[in-house]
Amino acid sequence: MHAQLITYQLNDISQSEYLKQMVEPDAPILAEVKGLISKVWLADVEKNTFGGFYLWDNKKAMEDFMNSDLVKAVVSRPFVKNVSSVDFEVNEKASLITRGVK
């Protein structure tokens, strides 16, 4: 299992337009990504920082996603800037104890 934190900032777009143009149309597409266990959508409006916490079956699934046309399309949107991605191995045994995974 692998975890990933992706963050980005928004440029010249309102919150309602961001939800309409990115979050609402992208969520159903992301739900179908092979190897994605879950995505938690993140937002810190005051700091203009948004993103997601992703849980993957394995690192290869994450890498395939990062090299996909979907990610290329998202990061090429003119209102998305300063994209950052950090990935982590998941300690499944400890995470089971703390209900981080099932």
N, C-alpha and C. Protein backbone atom coordinates (compact mmCIF):
# COMPACT_ATOMS: atom_id res chain seq x y z
N MET A 1 0.85 -1.17 0.00
CA MET A 1 0.00 0.00 0.00
C MET A 1 0.90 1.24 0.00
N HIS A 2 0.41 2.29 -0.64
CA HIS A 2 1.19 3.51 -0.78
C HIS A 2 0.27 4.72 -0.57
N ALA A 3 0.79 5.78 0.01
CA ALA A 3 0.03 7.01 0.25
C ALA A 3 0.69 8.16 -0.50
N GLN A 4 -0.11 9.14 -0.85
CA GLN A 4 0.38 10.29 -1.60
C GLN A 4 -0.37 11.54 -1.17
N LEU A 5 0.37 12.62 -1.03
CA LEU A 5 -0.22 13.92 -0.74
C LEU A 5 0.09 14.85 -1.90
N ILE A 6 -0.94 15.32 -2.57
CA ILE A 6 -0.79 16.28 -3.67
C ILE A 6 -1.41 17.59 -3.21
N THR A 7 -0.68 18.68 -3.36
CA THR A 7 -1.21 20.00 -3.05
C THR A 7 -0.99 20.93 -4.24
N TYR A 8 -1.80 21.96 -4.29
CA TYR A 8 -1.68 22.98 -5.33
C TYR A 8 -2.39 24.24 -4.84
N GLN A 9 -2.14 25.31 -5.56
CA GLN A 9 -2.83 26.57 -5.27
C GLN A 9 -3.66 26.94 -6.49
N LEU A 10 -4.61 27.83 -6.26
CA LEU A 10 -5.49 28.27 -7.33
C LEU A 10 -5.15 29.70 -7.72
N ASN A 11 -5.36 30.00 -8.98
CA ASN A 11 -5.04 31.30 -9.53
C ASN A 11 -6.22 31.82 -10.34
N ASP A 12 -6.75 32.97 -9.96
CA ASP A 12 -7.80 33.65 -10.72
C ASP A 12 -9.04 32.79 -10.97
N ILE A 13 -9.54 32.14 -9.91
CA ILE A 13 -10.77 31.37 -10.02
C ILE A 13 -11.49 31.42 -8.67
N SER A 14 -12.79 31.57 -8.70
CA SER A 14 -13.57 31.58 -7.46
C SER A 14 -13.73 30.16 -6.94
N GLN A 15 -14.09 30.04 -5.67
CA GLN A 15 -14.32 28.73 -5.08
C GLN A 15 -15.45 28.00 -5.81
N SER A 16 -16.52 28.71 -6.11
CA SER A 16 -17.64 28.05 -6.78
C SER A 16 -17.25 27.57 -8.18
N GLU A 17 -16.46 28.34 -8.88
CA GLU A 17 -16.01 27.93 -10.21
C GLU A 17 -15.02 26.76 -10.12
N TYR A 18 -14.15 26.77 -9.11
CA TYR A 18 -13.21 25.66 -8.89
C TYR A 18 -14.00 24.37 -8.65
N LEU A 19 -15.02 24.44 -7.81
CA LEU A 19 -15.84 23.26 -7.55
C LEU A 19 -16.54 22.79 -8.82
N LYS A 20 -17.04 23.74 -9.58
CA LYS A 20 -17.78 23.42 -10.81
C LYS A 20 -16.87 22.90 -11.92
N GLN A 21 -15.69 23.50 -12.08
CA GLN A 21 -14.81 23.15 -13.19
C GLN A 21 -13.85 22.00 -12.90
N MET A 22 -13.56 21.73 -11.62
CA MET A 22 -12.56 20.72 -11.32
C MET A 22 -13.07 19.63 -10.39
N VAL A 23 -13.54 20.01 -9.23
CA VAL A 23 -13.90 19.00 -8.23
C VAL A 23 -15.06 18.13 -8.69
N GLU A 24 -16.16 18.74 -9.07
CA GLU A 24 -17.35 17.97 -9.45
C GLU A 24 -17.12 17.07 -10.66
N PRO A 25 -16.48 17.56 -11.74
CA PRO A 25 -16.28 16.66 -12.88
C PRO A 25 -15.16 15.63 -12.65
N ASP A 26 -14.16 15.97 -11.85
CA ASP A 26 -13.03 15.06 -11.67
C ASP A 26 -13.29 13.94 -10.68
N ALA A 27 -14.13 14.17 -9.69
CA ALA A 27 -14.36 13.16 -8.64
C ALA A 27 -14.83 11.82 -9.22
N PRO A 28 -15.84 11.78 -10.09
CA PRO A 28 -16.27 10.48 -10.63
C PRO A 28 -15.19 9.80 -11.48
N ILE A 29 -14.39 10.60 -12.17
CA ILE A 29 -13.30 10.04 -12.98
C ILE A 29 -12.25 9.42 -12.07
N LEU A 30 -11.88 10.13 -11.01
CA LEU A 30 -10.89 9.61 -10.07
C LEU A 30 -11.37 8.34 -9.39
N ALA A 31 -12.66 8.24 -9.15
CA ALA A 31 -13.21 7.05 -8.50
C ALA A 31 -12.98 5.79 -9.31
N GLU A 32 -12.72 5.95 -10.60
CA GLU A 32 -12.50 4.80 -11.48
C GLU A 32 -11.03 4.51 -11.76
N VAL A 33 -10.11 5.28 -11.19
CA VAL A 33 -8.68 5.09 -11.46
C VAL A 33 -8.21 3.76 -10.87
N LYS A 34 -7.57 2.97 -11.70
CA LYS A 34 -7.09 1.65 -11.29
C LYS A 34 -6.05 1.79 -10.18
N GLY A 35 -6.27 1.03 -9.11
CA GLY A 35 -5.31 1.01 -8.01
C GLY A 35 -5.55 2.05 -6.94
N LEU A 36 -6.50 2.97 -7.16
CA LEU A 36 -6.80 3.99 -6.16
C LEU A 36 -7.79 3.43 -5.15
N ILE A 37 -7.38 3.38 -3.90
CA ILE A 37 -8.25 2.90 -2.83
C ILE A 37 -9.18 4.03 -2.39
N SER A 38 -8.60 5.23 -2.19
CA SER A 38 -9.42 6.37 -1.80
C SER A 38 -8.68 7.68 -2.05
N LYS A 39 -9.47 8.74 -2.15
CA LYS A 39 -8.94 10.09 -2.21
C LYS A 39 -9.75 10.95 -1.26
N VAL A 40 -9.06 11.69 -0.42
CA VAL A 40 -9.69 12.67 0.46
C VAL A 40 -9.36 14.04 -0.12
N TRP A 41 -10.37 14.81 -0.45
CA TRP A 41 -10.18 16.14 -1.02
C TRP A 41 -9.86 17.11 0.12
N LEU A 42 -8.84 17.92 -0.05
CA LEU A 42 -8.37 18.84 0.99
C LEU A 42 -8.52 20.29 0.53
N ALA A 43 -8.80 21.19 1.49
CA ALA A 43 -8.92 22.61 1.17
C ALA A 43 -8.56 23.45 2.38
N ASP A 44 -7.69 24.42 2.15
CA ASP A 44 -7.40 25.46 3.13
C ASP A 44 -7.57 26.77 2.38
N VAL A 45 -8.79 27.27 2.39
CA VAL A 45 -9.16 28.44 1.59
C VAL A 45 -8.32 29.65 2.00
N GLU A 46 -8.10 29.84 3.30
CA GLU A 46 -7.34 31.00 3.77
C GLU A 46 -5.91 31.01 3.24
N LYS A 47 -5.30 29.84 3.11
CA LYS A 47 -3.92 29.75 2.60
C LYS A 47 -3.88 29.46 1.11
N ASN A 48 -5.05 29.39 0.47
CA ASN A 48 -5.14 29.09 -0.96
C ASN A 48 -4.38 27.80 -1.29
N THR A 49 -4.57 26.79 -0.47
CA THR A 49 -3.93 25.50 -0.69
C THR A 49 -5.00 24.42 -0.73
N PHE A 50 -4.94 23.61 -1.78
CA PHE A 50 -5.93 22.57 -2.02
C PHE A 50 -5.19 21.31 -2.43
N GLY A 51 -5.92 20.22 -2.49
CA GLY A 51 -5.27 19.00 -2.94
C GLY A 51 -6.01 17.77 -2.49
N GLY A 52 -5.23 16.70 -2.36
CA GLY A 52 -5.84 15.45 -1.96
C GLY A 52 -4.86 14.52 -1.29
N PHE A 53 -5.40 13.67 -0.43
CA PHE A 53 -4.65 12.59 0.18
C PHE A 53 -5.13 11.31 -0.48
N TYR A 54 -4.23 10.63 -1.16
CA TYR A 54 -4.55 9.44 -1.93
C TYR A 54 -3.99 8.21 -1.25
N LEU A 55 -4.75 7.13 -1.27
CA LEU A 55 -4.28 5.85 -0.79
C LEU A 55 -4.33 4.88 -1.97
N TRP A 56 -3.18 4.29 -2.27
CA TRP A 56 -3.01 3.44 -3.45
C TRP A 56 -2.77 2.00 -3.06
N ASP A 57 -3.14 1.08 -3.95
CA ASP A 57 -2.83 -0.34 -3.76
C ASP A 57 -1.33 -0.55 -3.66
N ASN A 58 -0.58 0.19 -4.50
CA ASN A 58 0.88 0.05 -4.53
C ASN A 58 1.50 1.26 -5.23
N LYS A 59 2.80 1.34 -5.18
CA LYS A 59 3.51 2.49 -5.76
C LYS A 59 3.35 2.55 -7.27
N LYS A 60 3.32 1.41 -7.94
CA LYS A 60 3.18 1.40 -9.39
C LYS A 60 1.85 2.05 -9.81
N ALA A 61 0.77 1.76 -9.08
CA ALA A 61 -0.52 2.38 -9.40
C ALA A 61 -0.43 3.90 -9.29
N MET A 62 0.27 4.38 -8.26
CA MET A 62 0.45 5.81 -8.08
C MET A 62 1.27 6.39 -9.24
N GLU A 63 2.35 5.71 -9.59
CA GLU A 63 3.20 6.20 -10.69
C GLU A 63 2.45 6.20 -12.01
N ASP A 64 1.66 5.17 -12.26
CA ASP A 64 0.86 5.14 -13.50
C ASP A 64 -0.10 6.33 -13.53
N PHE A 65 -0.73 6.62 -12.41
CA PHE A 65 -1.63 7.76 -12.31
C PHE A 65 -0.88 9.07 -12.59
N MET A 66 0.27 9.24 -11.97
CA MET A 66 1.04 10.48 -12.14
C MET A 66 1.50 10.68 -13.57
N ASN A 67 1.63 9.61 -14.34
CA ASN A 67 2.03 9.70 -15.75
C ASN A 67 0.84 9.68 -16.70
N SER A 68 -0.36 9.75 -16.16
CA SER A 68 -1.58 9.63 -16.98
C SER A 68 -1.97 10.95 -17.64
N ASP A 69 -2.79 10.82 -18.67
CA ASP A 69 -3.34 12.00 -19.34
C ASP A 69 -4.21 12.81 -18.39
N LEU A 70 -4.86 12.15 -17.45
CA LEU A 70 -5.70 12.85 -16.48
C LEU A 70 -4.88 13.84 -15.67
N VAL A 71 -3.76 13.41 -15.14
CA VAL A 71 -2.91 14.31 -14.35
C VAL A 71 -2.35 15.42 -15.23
N LYS A 72 -1.94 15.08 -16.43
CA LYS A 72 -1.43 16.10 -17.36
C LYS A 72 -2.49 17.16 -17.62
N ALA A 73 -3.74 16.75 -17.77
CA ALA A 73 -4.83 17.70 -18.02
C ALA A 73 -5.08 18.58 -16.80
N VAL A 74 -5.05 17.98 -15.61
CA VAL A 74 -5.31 18.75 -14.39
C VAL A 74 -4.23 19.81 -14.19
N VAL A 75 -2.97 19.43 -14.29
CA VAL A 75 -1.89 20.40 -14.01
C VAL A 75 -1.75 21.44 -15.12
N SER A 76 -2.34 21.19 -16.28
CA SER A 76 -2.27 22.18 -17.36
C SER A 76 -3.40 23.21 -17.29
N ARG A 77 -4.33 23.02 -16.37
CA ARG A 77 -5.40 24.00 -16.22
C ARG A 77 -4.80 25.33 -15.78
N PRO A 78 -5.23 26.43 -16.40
CA PRO A 78 -4.60 27.72 -16.12
C PRO A 78 -4.79 28.22 -14.69
N PHE A 79 -5.78 27.70 -13.99
CA PHE A 79 -6.01 28.15 -12.62
C PHE A 79 -5.31 27.29 -11.57
N VAL A 80 -4.59 26.24 -11.98
CA VAL A 80 -3.85 25.38 -11.06
C VAL A 80 -2.37 25.75 -11.12
N LYS A 81 -1.78 26.03 -9.95
CA LYS A 81 -0.36 26.40 -9.92
C LYS A 81 0.32 25.77 -8.70
N ASN A 82 1.62 25.73 -8.74
CA ASN A 82 2.45 25.25 -7.62
C ASN A 82 2.05 23.85 -7.16
N VAL A 83 1.97 22.92 -8.10
CA VAL A 83 1.59 21.54 -7.78
C VAL A 83 2.77 20.83 -7.12
N SER A 84 2.46 20.12 -6.04
CA SER A 84 3.48 19.38 -5.30
C SER A 84 2.94 17.99 -4.99
N SER A 85 3.81 16.98 -5.09
CA SER A 85 3.41 15.62 -4.77
C SER A 85 4.49 14.97 -3.91
N VAL A 86 4.04 14.35 -2.82
CA VAL A 86 4.94 13.62 -1.93
C VAL A 86 4.30 12.26 -1.70
N ASP A 87 5.10 11.19 -1.78
CA ASP A 87 4.53 9.87 -1.55
C ASP A 87 5.23 9.17 -0.40
N PHE A 88 4.51 8.21 0.17
CA PHE A 88 4.97 7.50 1.37
C PHE A 88 4.59 6.03 1.28
N GLU A 89 5.42 5.17 1.83
CA GLU A 89 5.02 3.80 2.05
C GLU A 89 4.07 3.80 3.26
N VAL A 90 3.14 2.88 3.27
CA VAL A 90 2.18 2.79 4.36
C VAL A 90 2.56 1.61 5.26
N ASN A 91 2.62 1.87 6.54
CA ASN A 91 2.82 0.81 7.52
C ASN A 91 1.43 0.21 7.79
N GLU A 92 1.11 -0.84 7.06
CA GLU A 92 -0.24 -1.39 7.13
C GLU A 92 -0.56 -1.98 8.50
N LYS A 93 0.39 -2.64 9.12
CA LYS A 93 0.12 -3.26 10.42
C LYS A 93 -0.29 -2.21 11.45
N ALA A 94 0.49 -1.14 11.58
CA ALA A 94 0.15 -0.08 12.52
C ALA A 94 -1.12 0.65 12.11
N SER A 95 -1.30 0.85 10.79
CA SER A 95 -2.48 1.55 10.29
C SER A 95 -3.76 0.78 10.56
N LEU A 96 -3.70 -0.54 10.54
CA LEU A 96 -4.87 -1.35 10.90
C LEU A 96 -5.28 -1.10 12.35
N ILE A 97 -4.31 -0.99 13.21
CA ILE A 97 -4.59 -0.75 14.64
C ILE A 97 -5.28 0.60 14.85
N THR A 98 -4.85 1.61 14.13
CA THR A 98 -5.40 2.96 14.32
C THR A 98 -6.53 3.28 13.33
N ARG A 99 -7.07 2.28 12.67
CA ARG A 99 -8.17 2.39 11.73
C ARG A 99 -7.84 3.27 10.52
N GLY A 100 -6.57 3.34 10.16
CA GLY A 100 -6.17 4.09 8.97
C GLY A 100 -6.43 3.34 7.69
N VAL A 101 -6.49 2.03 7.77
CA VAL A 101 -6.84 1.18 6.63
C VAL A 101 -7.72 0.05 7.14
N LYS A 102 -8.40 -0.60 6.21
CA LYS A 102 -9.29 -1.73 6.59
C LYS A 102 -8.78 -3.00 5.98
